[in-house]
Amino acid sequence: MTARSFPTPWIVNETTGAFRVEDSAGDPIAWTYFADDPEGFAGPAAMTRDEAHRIAKAIAMIPEMRTIIRTLQEGLTETEGEAET
């Protein structure tokens, strides 16, 4: 199976009852659904709009966080290499 690529940046767009996380090509990556009245929602426990938005924003930050972590790891590796010499 070939790995798919999701070009950055990822953005969050609000639709009716959901937030859609999209890559820079506009392809959907994730949806977070909410109910305006979660207590009156007939299905399983629904998220509030704020909860769904917060989660969608966290998903959209994944590529940036991976870059930051990779940079930190490379810095630690370089520091360890200098300490050994």
PDB file of N, CA and C in Angstrom:
ATOM      1  N   MET A   1       0.839  -1.174   0.000  1.00  0.00           N
ATOM      2  CA  MET A   1       0.000   0.000   0.000  1.00  0.00           C
ATOM      3  C   MET A   1       0.892   1.247   0.000  1.00  0.00           C
ATOM      4  N   THR A   2       0.608   2.173  -0.886  1.00  0.00           N
ATOM      5  CA  THR A   2       1.379   3.401  -0.994  1.00  0.00           C
ATOM      6  C   THR A   2       0.878   4.412   0.028  1.00  0.00           C
ATOM      7  N   ALA A   3       1.808   5.053   0.725  1.00  0.00           N
ATOM      8  CA  ALA A   3       1.437   6.069   1.702  1.00  0.00           C
ATOM      9  C   ALA A   3       0.919   7.309   0.979  1.00  0.00           C
ATOM     10  N   ARG A   4      -0.142   7.872   1.498  1.00  0.00           N
ATOM     11  CA  ARG A   4      -0.696   9.096   0.912  1.00  0.00           C
ATOM     12  C   ARG A   4       0.024  10.302   1.472  1.00  0.00           C
ATOM     13  N   SER A   5       0.014  11.353   0.701  1.00  0.00           N
ATOM     14  CA  SER A   5       0.625  12.603   1.137  1.00  0.00           C
ATOM     15  C   SER A   5      -0.474  13.642   1.323  1.00  0.00           C
ATOM     16  N   PHE A   6      -0.402  14.359   2.402  1.00  0.00           N
ATOM     17  CA  PHE A   6      -1.365  15.414   2.686  1.00  0.00           C
ATOM     18  C   PHE A   6      -0.596  16.730   2.793  1.00  0.00           C
ATOM     19  N   PRO A   7      -0.535  17.502   1.693  1.00  0.00           N
ATOM     20  CA  PRO A   7       0.290  18.711   1.695  1.00  0.00           C
ATOM     21  C   PRO A   7      -0.154  19.720   2.751  1.00  0.00           C
ATOM     22  N   THR A   8       0.840  20.368   3.322  1.00  0.00           N
ATOM     23  CA  THR A   8       0.583  21.390   4.336  1.00  0.00           C
ATOM     24  C   THR A   8       0.463  22.749   3.664  1.00  0.00           C
ATOM     25  N   PRO A   9      -0.113  23.723   4.334  1.00  0.00           N
ATOM     26  CA  PRO A   9      -0.676  23.667   5.682  1.00  0.00           C
ATOM     27  C   PRO A   9      -2.066  23.028   5.678  1.00  0.00           C
ATOM     28  N   TRP A  10      -2.432  22.498   6.836  1.00  0.00           N
ATOM     29  CA  TRP A  10      -3.770  21.975   7.017  1.00  0.00           C
ATOM     30  C   TRP A  10      -4.614  23.082   7.617  1.00  0.00           C
ATOM     31  N   ILE A  11      -5.837  23.216   7.149  1.00  0.00           N
ATOM     32  CA  ILE A  11      -6.706  24.279   7.637  1.00  0.00           C
ATOM     33  C   ILE A  11      -8.024  23.701   8.138  1.00  0.00           C
ATOM     34  N   VAL A  12      -8.723  24.487   8.952  1.00  0.00           N
ATOM     35  CA  VAL A  12     -10.005  24.080   9.517  1.00  0.00           C
ATOM     36  C   VAL A  12     -11.093  24.948   8.903  1.00  0.00           C
ATOM     37  N   ASN A  13     -12.105  24.311   8.335  1.00  0.00           N
ATOM     38  CA  ASN A  13     -13.269  25.016   7.800  1.00  0.00           C
ATOM     39  C   ASN A  13     -14.514  24.525   8.518  1.00  0.00           C
ATOM     40  N   GLU A  14     -15.390  25.464   8.868  1.00  0.00           N
ATOM     41  CA  GLU A  14     -16.633  25.084   9.525  1.00  0.00           C
ATOM     42  C   GLU A  14     -17.704  24.820   8.477  1.00  0.00           C
ATOM     43  N   THR A  15     -18.423  23.717   8.652  1.00  0.00           N
ATOM     44  CA  THR A  15     -19.577  23.393   7.828  1.00  0.00           C
ATOM     45  C   THR A  15     -20.771  23.274   8.771  1.00  0.00           C
ATOM     46  N   THR A  16     -21.915  22.930   8.261  1.00  0.00           N
ATOM     47  CA  THR A  16     -23.094  22.777   9.107  1.00  0.00           C
ATOM     48  C   THR A  16     -22.904  21.587  10.044  1.00  0.00           C
ATOM     49  N   GLY A  17     -22.777  21.851  11.322  1.00  0.00           N
ATOM     50  CA  GLY A  17     -22.669  20.785  12.322  1.00  0.00           C
ATOM     51  C   GLY A  17     -21.326  20.094  12.403  1.00  0.00           C
ATOM     52  N   ALA A  18     -20.291  20.651  11.745  1.00  0.00           N
ATOM     53  CA  ALA A  18     -18.989  19.978  11.777  1.00  0.00           C
ATOM     54  C   ALA A  18     -17.866  20.944  11.411  1.00  0.00           C
ATOM     55  N   PHE A  19     -16.661  20.553  11.783  1.00  0.00           N
ATOM     56  CA  PHE A  19     -15.448  21.222  11.325  1.00  0.00           C
ATOM     57  C   PHE A  19     -14.716  20.228  10.445  1.00  0.00           C
ATOM     58  N   ARG A  20     -14.248  20.700   9.306  1.00  0.00           N
ATOM     59  CA  ARG A  20     -13.542  19.853   8.335  1.00  0.00           C
ATOM     60  C   ARG A  20     -12.093  20.297   8.274  1.00  0.00           C
ATOM     61  N   VAL A  21     -11.177  19.376   8.558  1.00  0.00           N
ATOM     62  CA  VAL A  21      -9.742  19.655   8.442  1.00  0.00           C
ATOM     63  C   VAL A  21      -9.338  19.256   7.026  1.00  0.00           C
ATOM     64  N   GLU A  22      -8.729  20.206   6.296  1.00  0.00           N
ATOM     65  CA  GLU A  22      -8.348  19.975   4.906  1.00  0.00           C
ATOM     66  C   GLU A  22      -6.857  20.201   4.727  1.00  0.00           C
ATOM     67  N   ASP A  23      -6.278  19.486   3.748  1.00  0.00           N
ATOM     68  CA  ASP A  23      -4.889  19.774   3.393  1.00  0.00           C
ATOM     69  C   ASP A  23      -4.879  20.968   2.440  1.00  0.00           C
ATOM     70  N   SER A  24      -3.685  21.391   2.006  1.00  0.00           N
ATOM     71  CA  SER A  24      -3.598  22.599   1.183  1.00  0.00           C
ATOM     72  C   SER A  24      -4.236  22.422  -0.194  1.00  0.00           C
ATOM     73  N   ALA A  25      -4.488  21.180  -0.603  1.00  0.00           N
ATOM     74  CA  ALA A  25      -5.168  20.921  -1.877  1.00  0.00           C
ATOM     75  C   ALA A  25      -6.687  20.930  -1.714  1.00  0.00           C
ATOM     76  N   GLY A  26      -7.155  21.094  -0.474  1.00  0.00           N
ATOM     77  CA  GLY A  26      -8.591  21.109  -0.207  1.00  0.00           C
ATOM     78  C   GLY A  26      -9.191  19.740   0.032  1.00  0.00           C
ATOM     79  N   ASP A  27      -8.345  18.707   0.092  1.00  0.00           N
ATOM     80  CA  ASP A  27      -8.845  17.355   0.350  1.00  0.00           C
ATOM     81  C   ASP A  27      -9.110  17.175   1.845  1.00  0.00           C
ATOM     82  N   PRO A  28     -10.233  16.543   2.199  1.00  0.00           N
ATOM     83  CA  PRO A  28     -10.548  16.363   3.626  1.00  0.00           C
ATOM     84  C   PRO A  28      -9.617  15.359   4.292  1.00  0.00           C
ATOM     85  N   ILE A  29      -9.220  15.699   5.504  1.00  0.00           N
ATOM     86  CA  ILE A  29      -8.373  14.818   6.310  1.00  0.00           C
ATOM     87  C   ILE A  29      -9.184  14.267   7.482  1.00  0.00           C
ATOM     88  N   ALA A  30      -9.971  15.130   8.105  1.00  0.00           N
ATOM     89  CA  ALA A  30     -10.754  14.715   9.269  1.00  0.00           C
ATOM     90  C   ALA A  30     -11.974  15.613   9.422  1.00  0.00           C
ATOM     91  N   TRP A  31     -12.967  15.081  10.068  1.00  0.00           N
ATOM     92  CA  TRP A  31     -14.173  15.833  10.413  1.00  0.00           C
ATOM     93  C   TRP A  31     -14.377  15.705  11.915  1.00  0.00           C
ATOM     94  N   THR A  32     -14.754  16.794  12.565  1.00  0.00           N
ATOM     95  CA  THR A  32     -15.188  16.731  13.963  1.00  0.00           C
ATOM     96  C   THR A  32     -16.603  17.301  14.003  1.00  0.00           C
ATOM     97  N   TYR A  33     -17.518  16.514  14.520  1.00  0.00           N
ATOM     98  CA  TYR A  33     -18.931  16.886  14.509  1.00  0.00           C
ATOM     99  C   TYR A  33     -19.353  17.455  15.858  1.00  0.00           C
ATOM    100  N   PHE A  34     -20.346  18.337  15.811  1.00  0.00           N
ATOM    101  CA  PHE A  34     -20.864  18.918  17.041  1.00  0.00           C
ATOM    102  C   PHE A  34     -22.361  19.113  16.902  1.00  0.00           C
ATOM    103  N   ALA A  35     -22.989  19.318  18.030  1.00  0.00           N
ATOM    104  CA  ALA A  35     -24.420  19.625  18.058  1.00  0.00           C
ATOM    105  C   ALA A  35     -24.588  20.961  18.764  1.00  0.00           C
ATOM    106  N   ASP A  36     -25.429  21.808  18.193  1.00  0.00           N
ATOM    107  CA  ASP A  36     -25.681  23.102  18.833  1.00  0.00           C
ATOM    108  C   ASP A  36     -26.314  22.908  20.209  1.00  0.00           C
ATOM    109  N   ASP A  37     -27.084  21.839  20.354  1.00  0.00           N
ATOM    110  CA  ASP A  37     -27.690  21.489  21.635  1.00  0.00           C
ATOM    111  C   ASP A  37     -27.313  20.044  21.951  1.00  0.00           C
ATOM    112  N   PRO A  38     -26.076  19.812  22.496  1.00  0.00           N
ATOM    113  CA  PRO A  38     -25.615  18.442  22.736  1.00  0.00           C
ATOM    114  C   PRO A  38     -26.548  17.620  23.617  1.00  0.00           C
ATOM    115  N   GLU A  39     -27.238  18.261  24.547  1.00  0.00           N
ATOM    116  CA  GLU A  39     -28.110  17.508  25.450  1.00  0.00           C
ATOM    117  C   GLU A  39     -29.360  17.008  24.733  1.00  0.00           C
ATOM    118  N   GLY A  40     -29.768  17.711  23.674  1.00  0.00           N
ATOM    119  CA  GLY A  40     -30.944  17.286  22.919  1.00  0.00           C
ATOM    120  C   GLY A  40     -30.597  16.390  21.745  1.00  0.00           C
ATOM    121  N   PHE A  41     -29.323  16.057  21.600  1.00  0.00           N
ATOM    122  CA  PHE A  41     -28.852  15.223  20.496  1.00  0.00           C
ATOM    123  C   PHE A  41     -29.291  13.788  20.721  1.00  0.00           C
ATOM    124  N   ALA A  42     -29.851  13.146  19.699  1.00  0.00           N
ATOM    125  CA  ALA A  42     -30.413  11.808  19.860  1.00  0.00           C
ATOM    126  C   ALA A  42     -29.356  10.703  19.851  1.00  0.00           C
ATOM    127  N   GLY A  43     -28.217  10.942  19.236  1.00  0.00           N
ATOM    128  CA  GLY A  43     -27.188   9.905  19.111  1.00  0.00           C
ATOM    129  C   GLY A  43     -26.306   9.833  20.344  1.00  0.00           C
ATOM    130  N   PRO A  44     -25.128   9.200  20.183  1.00  0.00           N
ATOM    131  CA  PRO A  44     -24.186   9.144  21.299  1.00  0.00           C
ATOM    132  C   PRO A  44     -23.778  10.558  21.702  1.00  0.00           C
ATOM    133  N   ALA A  45     -23.166  10.695  22.835  1.00  0.00           N
ATOM    134  CA  ALA A  45     -22.816  12.017  23.369  1.00  0.00           C
ATOM    135  C   ALA A  45     -22.130  12.869  22.310  1.00  0.00           C
ATOM    136  N   ALA A  46     -22.708  13.991  22.011  1.00  0.00           N
ATOM    137  CA  ALA A  46     -22.171  14.899  20.996  1.00  0.00           C
ATOM    138  C   ALA A  46     -21.250  15.925  21.651  1.00  0.00           C
ATOM    139  N   MET A  47     -20.286  16.379  20.860  1.00  0.00           N
ATOM    140  CA  MET A  47     -19.401  17.446  21.344  1.00  0.00           C
ATOM    141  C   MET A  47     -20.091  18.789  21.166  1.00  0.00           C
ATOM    142  N   THR A  48     -19.667  19.739  21.981  1.00  0.00           N
ATOM    143  CA  THR A  48     -20.117  21.103  21.769  1.00  0.00           C
ATOM    144  C   THR A  48     -19.330  21.677  20.591  1.00  0.00           C
ATOM    145  N   ARG A  49     -19.772  22.814  20.089  1.00  0.00           N
ATOM    146  CA  ARG A  49     -19.068  23.463  18.987  1.00  0.00           C
ATOM    147  C   ARG A  49     -17.635  23.778  19.389  1.00  0.00           C
ATOM    148  N   ASP A  50     -17.434  24.312  20.590  1.00  0.00           N
ATOM    149  CA  ASP A  50     -16.084  24.659  21.055  1.00  0.00           C
ATOM    150  C   ASP A  50     -15.181  23.435  21.170  1.00  0.00           C
ATOM    151  N   GLU A  51     -15.718  22.333  21.690  1.00  0.00           N
ATOM    152  CA  GLU A  51     -14.922  21.099  21.797  1.00  0.00           C
ATOM    153  C   GLU A  51     -14.506  20.595  20.415  1.00  0.00           C
ATOM    154  N   ALA A  52     -15.451  20.568  19.487  1.00  0.00           N
ATOM    155  CA  ALA A  52     -15.153  20.089  18.134  1.00  0.00           C
ATOM    156  C   ALA A  52     -14.137  20.996  17.444  1.00  0.00           C
ATOM    157  N   HIS A  53     -14.247  22.300  17.662  1.00  0.00           N
ATOM    158  CA  HIS A  53     -13.300  23.246  17.055  1.00  0.00           C
ATOM    159  C   HIS A  53     -11.900  23.065  17.635  1.00  0.00           C
ATOM    160  N   ARG A  54     -11.818  22.894  18.937  1.00  0.00           N
ATOM    161  CA  ARG A  54     -10.522  22.688  19.595  1.00  0.00           C
ATOM    162  C   ARG A  54      -9.833  21.425  19.074  1.00  0.00           C
ATOM    163  N   ILE A  55     -10.577  20.357  18.901  1.00  0.00           N
ATOM    164  CA  ILE A  55     -10.005  19.111  18.399  1.00  0.00           C
ATOM    165  C   ILE A  55      -9.589  19.264  16.938  1.00  0.00           C
ATOM    166  N   ALA A  56     -10.404  19.919  16.139  1.00  0.00           N
ATOM    167  CA  ALA A  56     -10.062  20.135  14.734  1.00  0.00           C
ATOM    168  C   ALA A  56      -8.776  20.954  14.608  1.00  0.00           C
ATOM    169  N   LYS A  57      -8.641  21.992  15.443  1.00  0.00           N
ATOM    170  CA  LYS A  57      -7.408  22.800  15.401  1.00  0.00           C
ATOM    171  C   LYS A  57      -6.194  21.971  15.815  1.00  0.00           C
ATOM    172  N   ALA A  58      -6.366  21.086  16.796  1.00  0.00           N
ATOM    173  CA  ALA A  58      -5.253  20.226  17.222  1.00  0.00           C
ATOM    174  C   ALA A  58      -4.846  19.281  16.092  1.00  0.00           C
ATOM    175  N   ILE A  59      -5.812  18.731  15.377  1.00  0.00           N
ATOM    176  CA  ILE A  59      -5.504  17.860  14.241  1.00  0.00           C
ATOM    177  C   ILE A  59      -4.747  18.647  13.178  1.00  0.00           C
ATOM    178  N   ALA A  60      -5.189  19.866  12.896  1.00  0.00           N
ATOM    179  CA  ALA A  60      -4.554  20.692  11.871  1.00  0.00           C
ATOM    180  C   ALA A  60      -3.112  21.047  12.225  1.00  0.00           C
ATOM    181  N   MET A  61      -2.769  20.990  13.500  1.00  0.00           N
ATOM    182  CA  MET A  61      -1.402  21.322  13.936  1.00  0.00           C
ATOM    183  C   MET A  61      -0.439  20.139  13.856  1.00  0.00           C
ATOM    184  N   ILE A  62      -0.912  18.954  13.545  1.00  0.00           N
ATOM    185  CA  ILE A  62      -0.057  17.760  13.543  1.00  0.00           C
ATOM    186  C   ILE A  62       1.188  17.924  12.679  1.00  0.00           C
ATOM    187  N   PRO A  63       1.086  18.401  11.429  1.00  0.00           N
ATOM    188  CA  PRO A  63       2.318  18.528  10.629  1.00  0.00           C
ATOM    189  C   PRO A  63       3.345  19.472  11.257  1.00  0.00           C
ATOM    190  N   GLU A  64       2.887  20.584  11.828  1.00  0.00           N
ATOM    191  CA  GLU A  64       3.803  21.519  12.474  1.00  0.00           C
ATOM    192  C   GLU A  64       4.466  20.886  13.700  1.00  0.00           C
ATOM    193  N   MET A  65       3.687  20.159  14.478  1.00  0.00           N
ATOM    194  CA  MET A  65       4.239  19.527  15.671  1.00  0.00           C
ATOM    195  C   MET A  65       5.264  18.455  15.301  1.00  0.00           C
ATOM    196  N   ARG A  66       5.004  17.705  14.224  1.00  0.00           N
ATOM    197  CA  ARG A  66       5.976  16.690  13.787  1.00  0.00           C
ATOM    198  C   ARG A  66       7.294  17.352  13.392  1.00  0.00           C
ATOM    199  N   THR A  67       7.212  18.504  12.720  1.00  0.00           N
ATOM    200  CA  THR A  67       8.423  19.227  12.323  1.00  0.00           C
ATOM    201  C   THR A  67       9.183  19.711  13.551  1.00  0.00           C
ATOM    202  N   ILE A  68       8.470  20.241  14.523  1.00  0.00           N
ATOM    203  CA  ILE A  68       9.108  20.727  15.750  1.00  0.00           C
ATOM    204  C   ILE A  68       9.784  19.577  16.491  1.00  0.00           C
ATOM    205  N   ILE A  69       9.083  18.447  16.616  1.00  0.00           N
ATOM    206  CA  ILE A  69       9.649  17.292  17.319  1.00  0.00           C
ATOM    207  C   ILE A  69      10.881  16.783  16.586  1.00  0.00           C
ATOM    208  N   ARG A  70      10.803  16.682  15.263  1.00  0.00           N
ATOM    209  CA  ARG A  70      11.940  16.209  14.473  1.00  0.00           C
ATOM    210  C   ARG A  70      13.142  17.133  14.661  1.00  0.00           C
ATOM    211  N   THR A  71      12.914  18.442  14.652  1.00  0.00           N
ATOM    212  CA  THR A  71      13.990  19.413  14.843  1.00  0.00           C
ATOM    213  C   THR A  71      14.618  19.263  16.222  1.00  0.00           C
ATOM    214  N   LEU A  72      13.779  19.084  17.241  1.00  0.00           N
ATOM    215  CA  LEU A  72      14.299  18.894  18.598  1.00  0.00           C
ATOM    216  C   LEU A  72      15.115  17.615  18.701  1.00  0.00           C
ATOM    217  N   GLN A  73      14.626  16.542  18.087  1.00  0.00           N
ATOM    218  CA  GLN A  73      15.346  15.273  18.128  1.00  0.00           C
ATOM    219  C   GLN A  73      16.698  15.395  17.421  1.00  0.00           C
ATOM    220  N   GLU A  74      16.740  16.077  16.287  1.00  0.00           N
ATOM    221  CA  GLU A  74      18.000  16.265  15.569  1.00  0.00           C
ATOM    222  C   GLU A  74      18.977  17.086  16.404  1.00  0.00           C
ATOM    223  N   GLY A  75      18.463  18.106  17.099  1.00  0.00           N
ATOM    224  CA  GLY A  75      19.306  18.916  17.968  1.00  0.00           C
ATOM    225  C   GLY A  75      19.890  18.098  19.110  1.00  0.00           C
ATOM    226  N   LEU A  76      19.070  17.200  19.683  1.00  0.00           N
ATOM    227  CA  LEU A  76      19.560  16.347  20.766  1.00  0.00           C
ATOM    228  C   LEU A  76      20.622  15.382  20.259  1.00  0.00           C
ATOM    229  N   THR A  77      20.413  14.845  19.073  1.00  0.00           N
ATOM    230  CA  THR A  77      21.390  13.934  18.493  1.00  0.00           C
ATOM    231  C   THR A  77      22.714  14.634  18.256  1.00  0.00           C
ATOM    232  N   GLU A  78      22.658  15.863  17.743  1.00  0.00           N
ATOM    233  CA  GLU A  78      23.895  16.633  17.520  1.00  0.00           C
ATOM    234  C   GLU A  78      24.582  16.925  18.829  1.00  0.00           C
ATOM    235  N   THR A  79      23.832  17.275  19.873  1.00  0.00           N
ATOM    236  CA  THR A  79      24.412  17.576  21.177  1.00  0.00           C
ATOM    237  C   THR A  79      25.067  16.336  21.760  1.00  0.00           C
ATOM    238  N   GLU A  80      24.426  15.172  21.633  1.00  0.00           N
ATOM    239  CA  GLU A  80      25.004  13.935  22.137  1.00  0.00           C
ATOM    240  C   GLU A  80      26.283  13.592  21.393  1.00  0.00           C
ATOM    241  N   GLY A  81      26.309  13.838  20.086  1.00  0.00           N
ATOM    242  CA  GLY A  81      27.495  13.570  19.293  1.00  0.00           C
ATOM    243  C   GLY A  81      28.669  14.458  19.680  1.00  0.00           C
ATOM    244  N   GLU A  82      28.377  15.713  19.997  1.00  0.00           N
ATOM    245  CA  GLU A  82      29.435  16.637  20.428  1.00  0.00           C
ATOM    246  C   GLU A  82      29.972  16.251  21.799  1.00  0.00           C
ATOM    247  N   ALA A  83      29.094  15.743  22.673  1.00  0.00           N
ATOM    248  CA  ALA A  83      29.535  15.363  24.022  1.00  0.00           C
ATOM    249  C   ALA A  83      30.447  14.140  23.993  1.00  0.00           C
ATOM    250  N   GLU A  84      30.283  13.281  22.983  1.00  0.00           N
ATOM    251  CA  GLU A  84      31.088  12.065  22.891  1.00  0.00           C
ATOM    252  C   GLU A  84      32.486  12.353  22.354  1.00  0.00           C
ATOM    253  N   THR A  85      32.667  13.455  21.632  1.00  0.00           N
ATOM    254  CA  THR A  85      33.989  13.743  21.045  1.00  0.00           C
ATOM    255  C   THR A  85      34.879  14.494  21.981  1.00  0.00           C
TER     256      THR A  85
END
